[in-house]
Amino acid sequence: MSDYDYGPVDTYEITWMSGHIERVLAHQVSYPAAGMALMRSMGAVTVGVEGGAPRVRMRAEINGRWTLTLSAREEDIRTMRLVTEPERIPGTEADQ
């Protein structure tokens, strides 16, 4: 259990390349480190970097435990958007 309060969990909508749509809860989203593959190809020593396809990882504190809620290859994700708050549409009551 953690003594740190991460606040309310965010909801993300993932659209996969297959067209499937799902929602994932997360406090933290980490993206592949840009340029790391290039550095490795140039012979640079990169400590703590995994091989293989770049992955997007999402984590959330659920029931007091820090949990991995998604680990997916970046190339399998078409879009990802934060949907915790309803979208505001200009000119509607919700926009007021």
C-alpha atoms as a PDB file:
ATOM      1  CA  MET A   1       0.000   0.000   0.000  1.00  0.00           C
ATOM      2  CA  SER A   2       1.106   3.511  -0.779  1.00  0.00           C
ATOM      3  CA  ASP A   3       0.813   6.579   1.426  1.00  0.00           C
ATOM      4  CA  TYR A   4       0.827   8.805  -1.668  1.00  0.00           C
ATOM      5  CA  ASP A   5      -2.543  10.005  -2.991  1.00  0.00           C
ATOM      6  CA  TYR A   6      -2.546   9.829  -6.794  1.00  0.00           C
ATOM      7  CA  GLY A   7      -5.971  11.474  -6.988  1.00  0.00           C
ATOM      8  CA  PRO A   8      -8.820  10.237  -9.126  1.00  0.00           C
ATOM      9  CA  VAL A   9      -7.913   7.737 -11.817  1.00  0.00           C
ATOM     10  CA  ASP A  10      -8.166   8.870 -15.456  1.00  0.00           C
ATOM     11  CA  THR A  11     -10.002   6.962 -18.175  1.00  0.00           C
ATOM     12  CA  TYR A  12      -8.407   6.573 -21.606  1.00  0.00           C
ATOM     13  CA  GLU A  13     -10.136   5.358 -24.749  1.00  0.00           C
ATOM     14  CA  ILE A  14      -7.893   3.129 -26.864  1.00  0.00           C
ATOM     15  CA  THR A  15      -8.709   2.462 -30.523  1.00  0.00           C
ATOM     16  CA  TRP A  16      -6.718  -0.512 -31.743  1.00  0.00           C
ATOM     17  CA  MET A  17      -5.530  -0.936 -35.332  1.00  0.00           C
ATOM     18  CA  SER A  18      -8.119  -3.747 -35.614  1.00  0.00           C
ATOM     19  CA  GLY A  19     -10.880  -1.178 -34.955  1.00  0.00           C
ATOM     20  CA  HIS A  20     -11.734  -2.511 -31.479  1.00  0.00           C
ATOM     21  CA  ILE A  21     -12.308   0.248 -28.882  1.00  0.00           C
ATOM     22  CA  GLU A  22     -11.786  -0.175 -25.150  1.00  0.00           C
ATOM     23  CA  ARG A  23     -11.367   1.967 -22.058  1.00  0.00           C
ATOM     24  CA  VAL A  24      -8.413   1.680 -19.696  1.00  0.00           C
ATOM     25  CA  LEU A  25      -7.919   3.250 -16.253  1.00  0.00           C
ATOM     26  CA  ALA A  26      -4.568   4.914 -15.549  1.00  0.00           C
ATOM     27  CA  HIS A  27      -2.799   7.347 -13.270  1.00  0.00           C
ATOM     28  CA  GLN A  28       0.390   7.129 -15.351  1.00  0.00           C
ATOM     29  CA  VAL A  29       1.070   6.598 -19.067  1.00  0.00           C
ATOM     30  CA  SER A  30       4.585   5.925 -20.322  1.00  0.00           C
ATOM     31  CA  TYR A  31       5.533   6.008 -23.969  1.00  0.00           C
ATOM     32  CA  PRO A  32       8.561   4.447 -25.649  1.00  0.00           C
ATOM     33  CA  ALA A  33      11.689   6.553 -25.340  1.00  0.00           C
ATOM     34  CA  ALA A  34      12.052   8.385 -28.649  1.00  0.00           C
ATOM     35  CA  GLY A  35      15.359   7.821 -30.342  1.00  0.00           C
ATOM     36  CA  MET A  36      16.488   4.848 -28.259  1.00  0.00           C
ATOM     37  CA  ALA A  37      16.344   2.461 -31.236  1.00  0.00           C
ATOM     38  CA  LEU A  38      18.477   4.908 -33.224  1.00  0.00           C
ATOM     39  CA  MET A  39      21.017   5.153 -30.399  1.00  0.00           C
ATOM     40  CA  ARG A  40      21.254   1.349 -30.185  1.00  0.00           C
ATOM     41  CA  SER A  41      21.721   1.118 -33.951  1.00  0.00           C
ATOM     42  CA  MET A  42      24.647   3.551 -33.661  1.00  0.00           C
ATOM     43  CA  GLY A  43      26.308   1.327 -31.069  1.00  0.00           C
ATOM     44  CA  ALA A  44      25.476   3.447 -28.018  1.00  0.00           C
ATOM     45  CA  VAL A  45      25.198   1.641 -24.693  1.00  0.00           C
ATOM     46  CA  THR A  46      21.660   2.092 -23.375  1.00  0.00           C
ATOM     47  CA  VAL A  47      21.169   0.873 -19.827  1.00  0.00           C
ATOM     48  CA  GLY A  48      17.744  -0.313 -18.738  1.00  0.00           C
ATOM     49  CA  VAL A  49      16.221  -0.254 -22.215  1.00  0.00           C
ATOM     50  CA  GLU A  50      14.255  -3.281 -23.350  1.00  0.00           C
ATOM     51  CA  GLY A  51      14.687  -4.797 -26.775  1.00  0.00           C
ATOM     52  CA  GLY A  52      11.811  -5.585 -29.087  1.00  0.00           C
ATOM     53  CA  ALA A  53       8.888  -3.502 -30.267  1.00  0.00           C
ATOM     54  CA  PRO A  54       8.299  -0.194 -28.436  1.00  0.00           C
ATOM     55  CA  ARG A  55       5.523  -0.526 -25.834  1.00  0.00           C
ATOM     56  CA  VAL A  56       3.022   1.853 -24.259  1.00  0.00           C
ATOM     57  CA  ARG A  57       2.414   1.133 -20.570  1.00  0.00           C
ATOM     58  CA  MET A  58      -0.396   2.374 -18.328  1.00  0.00           C
ATOM     59  CA  ARG A  59      -0.482   2.034 -14.559  1.00  0.00           C
ATOM     60  CA  ALA A  60      -3.049   2.865 -11.893  1.00  0.00           C
ATOM     61  CA  GLU A  61      -3.453   2.505  -8.161  1.00  0.00           C
ATOM     62  CA  ILE A  62      -6.448   0.205  -7.795  1.00  0.00           C
ATOM     63  CA  ASN A  63      -7.584  -1.012  -4.368  1.00  0.00           C
ATOM     64  CA  GLY A  64      -4.376   0.344  -2.829  1.00  0.00           C
ATOM     65  CA  ARG A  65      -2.035  -1.504  -5.219  1.00  0.00           C
ATOM     66  CA  TRP A  66       0.041  -0.042  -8.067  1.00  0.00           C
ATOM     67  CA  THR A  67      -1.129  -2.089 -11.055  1.00  0.00           C
ATOM     68  CA  LEU A  68      -0.112  -2.407 -14.705  1.00  0.00           C
ATOM     69  CA  THR A  69      -3.411  -1.852 -16.542  1.00  0.00           C
ATOM     70  CA  LEU A  70      -2.058  -1.977 -20.114  1.00  0.00           C
ATOM     71  CA  SER A  71       1.152  -2.985 -21.858  1.00  0.00           C
ATOM     72  CA  ALA A  72       0.815  -2.904 -25.633  1.00  0.00           C
ATOM     73  CA  ARG A  73       3.003  -2.546 -28.676  1.00  0.00           C
ATOM     74  CA  GLU A  74       2.878   1.041 -29.897  1.00  0.00           C
ATOM     75  CA  GLU A  75       2.222  -0.111 -33.474  1.00  0.00           C
ATOM     76  CA  ASP A  76      -1.001  -1.886 -32.387  1.00  0.00           C
ATOM     77  CA  ILE A  77      -2.619   1.357 -31.148  1.00  0.00           C
ATOM     78  CA  ARG A  78      -4.360   3.610 -33.673  1.00  0.00           C
ATOM     79  CA  THR A  79      -5.461   6.357 -31.245  1.00  0.00           C
ATOM     80  CA  MET A  80      -5.499   7.006 -27.531  1.00  0.00           C
ATOM     81  CA  ARG A  81      -7.447   9.824 -25.924  1.00  0.00           C
ATOM     82  CA  LEU A  82      -8.232  10.984 -22.421  1.00  0.00           C
ATOM     83  CA  VAL A  83     -11.996  10.711 -21.815  1.00  0.00           C
ATOM     84  CA  THR A  84     -12.234  11.175 -18.040  1.00  0.00           C
ATOM     85  CA  GLU A  85     -14.233  14.387 -18.485  1.00  0.00           C
ATOM     86  CA  PRO A  86     -17.065  14.451 -21.032  1.00  0.00           C
ATOM     87  CA  GLU A  87     -16.167  16.276 -24.250  1.00  0.00           C
ATOM     88  CA  ARG A  88     -17.405  19.836 -24.425  1.00  0.00           C
ATOM     89  CA  ILE A  89     -19.230  20.533 -27.662  1.00  0.00           C
ATOM     90  CA  PRO A  90     -19.400  24.251 -28.554  1.00  0.00           C
ATOM     91  CA  GLY A  91     -22.920  25.677 -28.675  1.00  0.00           C
ATOM     92  CA  THR A  92     -24.517  23.001 -26.474  1.00  0.00           C
ATOM     93  CA  GLU A  93     -25.792  23.130 -22.906  1.00  0.00           C
ATOM     94  CA  ALA A  94     -22.797  21.108 -21.731  1.00  0.00           C
ATOM     95  CA  ASP A  95     -20.548  23.927 -22.981  1.00  0.00           C
ATOM     96  CA  GLN A  96     -22.101  26.498 -20.612  1.00  0.00           C
END
